[in-house]
């Protein structure tokens, strides 16, 4: 199993999508920081646990 990667924000299909939603918009990469008790490569369980806490 491989980790999911963010799409290339300079890819043409990403730029076209952003332009379609908000003319003149540019994509931004948001920092992703796992919570202290997250388990590697277990996003569904991590999300479920985080949803119960917040």
Protein backbone atom coordinates (compact mmCIF):
# COMPACT_ATOMS: atom_id res chain seq x y z
CA UNK A 1 0.00 0.00 0.00
CA UNK A 2 1.32 3.44 -0.88
CA UNK A 3 0.52 6.75 0.75
CA UNK A 4 -1.74 9.16 -1.09
CA UNK A 5 -0.03 12.17 -2.57
CA UNK A 6 -1.40 15.63 -3.27
CA UNK A 7 -1.95 16.44 -6.94
CA UNK A 8 0.48 18.75 -8.68
CA UNK A 9 -1.03 22.25 -8.23
CA UNK A 10 0.57 23.37 -11.50
CA UNK A 11 -1.08 20.60 -13.55
CA UNK A 12 -3.28 22.01 -16.30
CA UNK A 13 -6.40 20.10 -15.26
CA UNK A 14 -6.08 21.47 -11.71
CA UNK A 15 -5.59 25.02 -12.96
CA UNK A 16 -8.61 24.71 -15.31
CA UNK A 17 -10.75 23.36 -12.48
CA UNK A 18 -9.82 26.26 -10.18
CA UNK A 19 -10.46 28.76 -12.97
CA UNK A 20 -13.87 27.20 -13.61
CA UNK A 21 -14.89 27.56 -9.95
CA UNK A 22 -13.38 30.99 -9.22
CA UNK A 23 -11.92 32.94 -12.14
CA UNK A 24 -8.38 34.03 -11.32
CA UNK A 25 -8.04 31.57 -8.44
CA UNK A 26 -4.80 29.68 -7.92
CA UNK A 27 -4.55 26.36 -6.08
CA UNK A 28 -2.78 26.19 -2.72
CA UNK A 29 -1.33 23.17 -0.98
CA UNK A 30 -2.47 22.95 2.60
CA UNK A 31 -0.14 21.45 5.20
CA UNK A 32 -1.28 18.07 6.46
CA UNK A 33 -0.32 17.15 9.99
CA UNK A 34 -1.54 13.93 11.54
CA UNK A 35 -2.88 14.05 15.07
CA UNK A 36 -0.60 12.74 17.78
CA UNK A 37 -2.48 9.44 18.09
CA UNK A 38 -3.01 8.77 14.36
CA UNK A 39 -1.96 5.41 12.95
CA UNK A 40 0.11 5.44 9.74
CA UNK A 41 -1.82 4.50 6.58
CA UNK A 42 -5.09 4.02 8.47
CA UNK A 43 -7.04 7.06 7.31
CA UNK A 44 -10.55 5.66 7.80
CA UNK A 45 -9.96 4.70 11.43
CA UNK A 46 -8.08 7.93 12.07
CA UNK A 47 -10.93 10.01 10.61
CA UNK A 48 -13.53 8.08 12.60
CA UNK A 49 -11.57 8.59 15.82
CA UNK A 50 -11.03 12.29 15.15
CA UNK A 51 -14.74 12.80 14.35
CA UNK A 52 -15.71 11.25 17.69
CA UNK A 53 -13.33 13.51 19.62
CA UNK A 54 -14.33 16.83 18.03
